[in-house]
């Protein structure tokens, strides 16, 4: 079972909040994006849904 459109949109909002709104500059944004991406890769789909408040 894959992700729903709502889950994908919520994930994009999370990335935007964590990366783009908190970054001081482009280098900081890249570092934040890399950390978020790695965090997401290590999570199961159920863990991700729980973190996004969709479970």
PDB file of N, CA and C in Angstrom:
ATOM      1  N   UNK A   1       0.845  -1.179   0.000  1.00  0.00           N
ATOM      2  CA  UNK A   1       0.000   0.000   0.000  1.00  0.00           C
ATOM      3  C   UNK A   1       0.885   1.236   0.000  1.00  0.00           C
ATOM      4  N   UNK A   2       0.637   2.142  -0.925  1.00  0.00           N
ATOM      5  CA  UNK A   2       1.431   3.348  -1.045  1.00  0.00           C
ATOM      6  C   UNK A   2       0.869   4.505  -0.245  1.00  0.00           C
ATOM      7  N   UNK A   3       1.445   5.655  -0.454  1.00  0.00           N
ATOM      8  CA  UNK A   3       1.014   6.865   0.234  1.00  0.00           C
ATOM      9  C   UNK A   3      -0.151   7.508  -0.504  1.00  0.00           C
ATOM     10  N   UNK A   4      -1.015   8.142   0.257  1.00  0.00           N
ATOM     11  CA  UNK A   4      -2.114   8.881  -0.339  1.00  0.00           C
ATOM     12  C   UNK A   4      -1.648  10.285  -0.692  1.00  0.00           C
ATOM     13  N   UNK A   5      -2.447  10.979  -1.464  1.00  0.00           N
ATOM     14  CA  UNK A   5      -2.117  12.362  -1.824  1.00  0.00           C
ATOM     15  C   UNK A   5      -2.026  13.227  -0.569  1.00  0.00           C
ATOM     16  N   UNK A   6      -2.913  13.032   0.385  1.00  0.00           N
ATOM     17  CA  UNK A   6      -2.891  13.810   1.634  1.00  0.00           C
ATOM     18  C   UNK A   6      -1.590  13.578   2.399  1.00  0.00           C
ATOM     19  N   UNK A   7      -1.120  12.335   2.418  1.00  0.00           N
ATOM     20  CA  UNK A   7       0.122  12.026   3.113  1.00  0.00           C
ATOM     21  C   UNK A   7       1.318  12.688   2.427  1.00  0.00           C
ATOM     22  N   UNK A   8       1.320  12.664   1.129  1.00  0.00           N
ATOM     23  CA  UNK A   8       2.415  13.293   0.389  1.00  0.00           C
ATOM     24  C   UNK A   8       2.411  14.805   0.598  1.00  0.00           C
ATOM     25  N   UNK A   9       1.246  15.409   0.546  1.00  0.00           N
ATOM     26  CA  UNK A   9       1.157  16.860   0.763  1.00  0.00           C
ATOM     27  C   UNK A   9       1.580  17.235   2.175  1.00  0.00           C
ATOM     28  N   UNK A  10       1.195  16.431   3.162  1.00  0.00           N
ATOM     29  CA  UNK A  10       1.595  16.697   4.545  1.00  0.00           C
ATOM     30  C   UNK A  10       3.104  16.558   4.694  1.00  0.00           C
ATOM     31  N   UNK A  11       3.692  15.585   4.038  1.00  0.00           N
ATOM     32  CA  UNK A  11       5.135  15.409   4.077  1.00  0.00           C
ATOM     33  C   UNK A  11       5.845  16.614   3.462  1.00  0.00           C
ATOM     34  N   UNK A  12       5.326  17.107   2.365  1.00  0.00           N
ATOM     35  CA  UNK A  12       5.909  18.299   1.735  1.00  0.00           C
ATOM     36  C   UNK A  12       5.809  19.516   2.660  1.00  0.00           C
ATOM     37  N   UNK A  13       4.702  19.639   3.376  1.00  0.00           N
ATOM     38  CA  UNK A  13       4.546  20.728   4.348  1.00  0.00           C
ATOM     39  C   UNK A  13       5.582  20.603   5.465  1.00  0.00           C
ATOM     40  N   UNK A  14       5.788  19.383   5.934  1.00  0.00           N
ATOM     41  CA  UNK A  14       6.778  19.139   6.977  1.00  0.00           C
ATOM     42  C   UNK A  14       8.171  19.537   6.502  1.00  0.00           C
ATOM     43  N   UNK A  15       8.518  19.136   5.293  1.00  0.00           N
ATOM     44  CA  UNK A  15       9.831  19.485   4.733  1.00  0.00           C
ATOM     45  C   UNK A  15       9.950  20.996   4.595  1.00  0.00           C
ATOM     46  N   UNK A  16       8.914  21.634   4.096  1.00  0.00           N
ATOM     47  CA  UNK A  16       8.935  23.087   3.952  1.00  0.00           C
ATOM     48  C   UNK A  16       9.146  23.764   5.304  1.00  0.00           C
ATOM     49  N   UNK A  17       8.409  23.327   6.312  1.00  0.00           N
ATOM     50  CA  UNK A  17       8.542  23.921   7.641  1.00  0.00           C
ATOM     51  C   UNK A  17       9.936  23.712   8.210  1.00  0.00           C
ATOM     52  N   UNK A  18      10.456  22.510   8.076  1.00  0.00           N
ATOM     53  CA  UNK A  18      11.737  22.171   8.680  1.00  0.00           C
ATOM     54  C   UNK A  18      12.918  22.745   7.910  1.00  0.00           C
ATOM     55  N   UNK A  19      12.801  22.868   6.614  1.00  0.00           N
ATOM     56  CA  UNK A  19      13.945  23.285   5.793  1.00  0.00           C
ATOM     57  C   UNK A  19      13.864  24.755   5.416  1.00  0.00           C
ATOM     58  N   UNK A  20      12.855  25.119   4.675  1.00  0.00           N
ATOM     59  CA  UNK A  20      12.835  26.437   4.052  1.00  0.00           C
ATOM     60  C   UNK A  20      12.507  27.570   5.019  1.00  0.00           C
ATOM     61  N   UNK A  21      11.623  27.337   5.977  1.00  0.00           N
ATOM     62  CA  UNK A  21      11.270  28.434   6.881  1.00  0.00           C
ATOM     63  C   UNK A  21      12.289  28.622   7.995  1.00  0.00           C
ATOM     64  N   UNK A  22      13.098  27.614   8.279  1.00  0.00           N
ATOM     65  CA  UNK A  22      14.080  27.714   9.363  1.00  0.00           C
ATOM     66  C   UNK A  22      15.492  28.005   8.883  1.00  0.00           C
ATOM     67  N   UNK A  23      15.741  27.820   7.608  1.00  0.00           N
ATOM     68  CA  UNK A  23      17.109  27.982   7.091  1.00  0.00           C
ATOM     69  C   UNK A  23      17.517  29.450   7.063  1.00  0.00           C
ATOM     70  N   UNK A  24      18.764  29.664   7.418  1.00  0.00           N
ATOM     71  CA  UNK A  24      19.311  31.029   7.392  1.00  0.00           C
ATOM     72  C   UNK A  24      19.843  31.396   6.013  1.00  0.00           C
ATOM     73  N   UNK A  25      20.295  30.380   5.275  1.00  0.00           N
ATOM     74  CA  UNK A  25      20.842  30.608   3.945  1.00  0.00           C
ATOM     75  C   UNK A  25      20.758  29.306   3.155  1.00  0.00           C
ATOM     76  N   UNK A  26      21.220  29.340   1.942  1.00  0.00           N
ATOM     77  CA  UNK A  26      21.121  28.169   1.067  1.00  0.00           C
ATOM     78  C   UNK A  26      21.905  26.976   1.615  1.00  0.00           C
ATOM     79  N   UNK A  27      23.066  27.207   2.162  1.00  0.00           N
ATOM     80  CA  UNK A  27      23.871  26.118   2.722  1.00  0.00           C
ATOM     81  C   UNK A  27      23.155  25.477   3.910  1.00  0.00           C
ATOM     82  N   UNK A  28      22.566  26.295   4.771  1.00  0.00           N
ATOM     83  CA  UNK A  28      21.811  25.783   5.911  1.00  0.00           C
ATOM     84  C   UNK A  28      20.591  24.998   5.431  1.00  0.00           C
ATOM     85  N   UNK A  29      19.921  25.483   4.393  1.00  0.00           N
ATOM     86  CA  UNK A  29      18.762  24.782   3.841  1.00  0.00           C
ATOM     87  C   UNK A  29      19.177  23.409   3.313  1.00  0.00           C
ATOM     88  N   UNK A  30      20.291  23.342   2.632  1.00  0.00           N
ATOM     89  CA  UNK A  30      20.765  22.071   2.094  1.00  0.00           C
ATOM     90  C   UNK A  30      21.076  21.087   3.213  1.00  0.00           C
ATOM     91  N   UNK A  31      21.720  21.550   4.276  1.00  0.00           N
ATOM     92  CA  UNK A  31      22.028  20.682   5.418  1.00  0.00           C
ATOM     93  C   UNK A  31      20.740  20.168   6.065  1.00  0.00           C
ATOM     94  N   UNK A  32      19.784  21.062   6.264  1.00  0.00           N
ATOM     95  CA  UNK A  32      18.512  20.667   6.868  1.00  0.00           C
ATOM     96  C   UNK A  32      17.775  19.662   5.985  1.00  0.00           C
ATOM     97  N   UNK A  33      17.755  19.910   4.687  1.00  0.00           N
ATOM     98  CA  UNK A  33      17.096  18.997   3.751  1.00  0.00           C
ATOM     99  C   UNK A  33      17.733  17.612   3.805  1.00  0.00           C
ATOM    100  N   UNK A  34      19.049  17.564   3.831  1.00  0.00           N
ATOM    101  CA  UNK A  34      19.767  16.298   3.886  1.00  0.00           C
ATOM    102  C   UNK A  34      19.407  15.525   5.154  1.00  0.00           C
ATOM    103  N   UNK A  35      19.336  16.221   6.288  1.00  0.00           N
ATOM    104  CA  UNK A  35      18.976  15.566   7.546  1.00  0.00           C
ATOM    105  C   UNK A  35      17.539  15.044   7.514  1.00  0.00           C
ATOM    106  N   UNK A  36      16.614  15.855   7.002  1.00  0.00           N
ATOM    107  CA  UNK A  36      15.214  15.435   6.924  1.00  0.00           C
ATOM    108  C   UNK A  36      15.074  14.233   5.994  1.00  0.00           C
ATOM    109  N   UNK A  37      15.726  14.290   4.855  1.00  0.00           N
ATOM    110  CA  UNK A  37      15.657  13.197   3.885  1.00  0.00           C
ATOM    111  C   UNK A  37      16.173  11.896   4.497  1.00  0.00           C
ATOM    112  N   UNK A  38      17.277  11.957   5.215  1.00  0.00           N
ATOM    113  CA  UNK A  38      17.838  10.769   5.839  1.00  0.00           C
ATOM    114  C   UNK A  38      16.911  10.238   6.936  1.00  0.00           C
ATOM    115  N   UNK A  39      16.323  11.143   7.696  1.00  0.00           N
ATOM    116  CA  UNK A  39      15.376  10.753   8.742  1.00  0.00           C
ATOM    117  C   UNK A  39      14.181  10.020   8.132  1.00  0.00           C
ATOM    118  N   UNK A  40      13.647  10.540   7.043  1.00  0.00           N
ATOM    119  CA  UNK A  40      12.493   9.929   6.383  1.00  0.00           C
ATOM    120  C   UNK A  40      12.854   8.554   5.823  1.00  0.00           C
ATOM    121  N   UNK A  41      14.040   8.416   5.257  1.00  0.00           N
ATOM    122  CA  UNK A  41      14.475   7.127   4.693  1.00  0.00           C
ATOM    123  C   UNK A  41      14.551   6.027   5.742  1.00  0.00           C
ATOM    124  N   UNK A  42      14.857   6.394   6.981  1.00  0.00           N
ATOM    125  CA  UNK A  42      15.030   5.413   8.036  1.00  0.00           C
ATOM    126  C   UNK A  42      13.702   4.998   8.674  1.00  0.00           C
ATOM    127  N   UNK A  43      12.630   5.668   8.336  1.00  0.00           N
ATOM    128  CA  UNK A  43      11.336   5.396   8.958  1.00  0.00           C
ATOM    129  C   UNK A  43      10.527   4.402   8.129  1.00  0.00           C
ATOM    130  N   UNK A  44       9.712   3.634   8.825  1.00  0.00           N
ATOM    131  CA  UNK A  44       8.755   2.789   8.128  1.00  0.00           C
ATOM    132  C   UNK A  44       7.574   3.669   7.709  1.00  0.00           C
ATOM    133  N   UNK A  45       6.738   3.165   6.830  1.00  0.00           N
ATOM    134  CA  UNK A  45       5.574   3.919   6.387  1.00  0.00           C
ATOM    135  C   UNK A  45       4.643   4.222   7.561  1.00  0.00           C
ATOM    136  N   UNK A  46       4.475   3.264   8.468  1.00  0.00           N
ATOM    137  CA  UNK A  46       3.624   3.480   9.637  1.00  0.00           C
ATOM    138  C   UNK A  46       4.204   4.548  10.561  1.00  0.00           C
ATOM    139  N   UNK A  47       5.520   4.534  10.755  1.00  0.00           N
ATOM    140  CA  UNK A  47       6.165   5.560  11.578  1.00  0.00           C
ATOM    141  C   UNK A  47       6.013   6.938  10.949  1.00  0.00           C
ATOM    142  N   UNK A  48       6.163   6.993   9.641  1.00  0.00           N
ATOM    143  CA  UNK A  48       6.017   8.252   8.930  1.00  0.00           C
ATOM    144  C   UNK A  48       4.599   8.783   9.054  1.00  0.00           C
ATOM    145  N   UNK A  49       3.628   7.922   8.872  1.00  0.00           N
ATOM    146  CA  UNK A  49       2.221   8.344   9.018  1.00  0.00           C
ATOM    147  C   UNK A  49       1.956   8.854  10.427  1.00  0.00           C
ATOM    148  N   UNK A  50       2.513   8.191  11.413  1.00  0.00           N
ATOM    149  CA  UNK A  50       2.336   8.611  12.796  1.00  0.00           C
ATOM    150  C   UNK A  50       2.952   9.987  13.025  1.00  0.00           C
ATOM    151  N   UNK A  51       4.160  10.199  12.521  1.00  0.00           N
ATOM    152  CA  UNK A  51       4.826  11.484  12.701  1.00  0.00           C
ATOM    153  C   UNK A  51       4.086  12.616  11.997  1.00  0.00           C
ATOM    154  N   UNK A  52       3.473  12.306  10.880  1.00  0.00           N
ATOM    155  CA  UNK A  52       2.727  13.313  10.136  1.00  0.00           C
ATOM    156  C   UNK A  52       1.336  13.553  10.733  1.00  0.00           C
ATOM    157  N   UNK A  53       0.977  12.763  11.736  1.00  0.00           N
ATOM    158  CA  UNK A  53      -0.335  12.899  12.358  1.00  0.00           C
ATOM    159  C   UNK A  53      -1.442  12.329  11.501  1.00  0.00           C
ATOM    160  N   UNK A  54      -1.122  11.349  10.666  1.00  0.00           N
ATOM    161  CA  UNK A  54      -2.097  10.774   9.750  1.00  0.00           C
ATOM    162  C   UNK A  54      -2.459   9.338  10.122  1.00  0.00           C
ATOM    163  N   UNK A  55      -1.881   8.832  11.171  1.00  0.00           N
ATOM    164  CA  UNK A  55      -2.151   7.439  11.559  1.00  0.00           C
ATOM    165  C   UNK A  55      -3.358   7.338  12.455  1.00  0.00           C
TER     166      UNK A  55
END
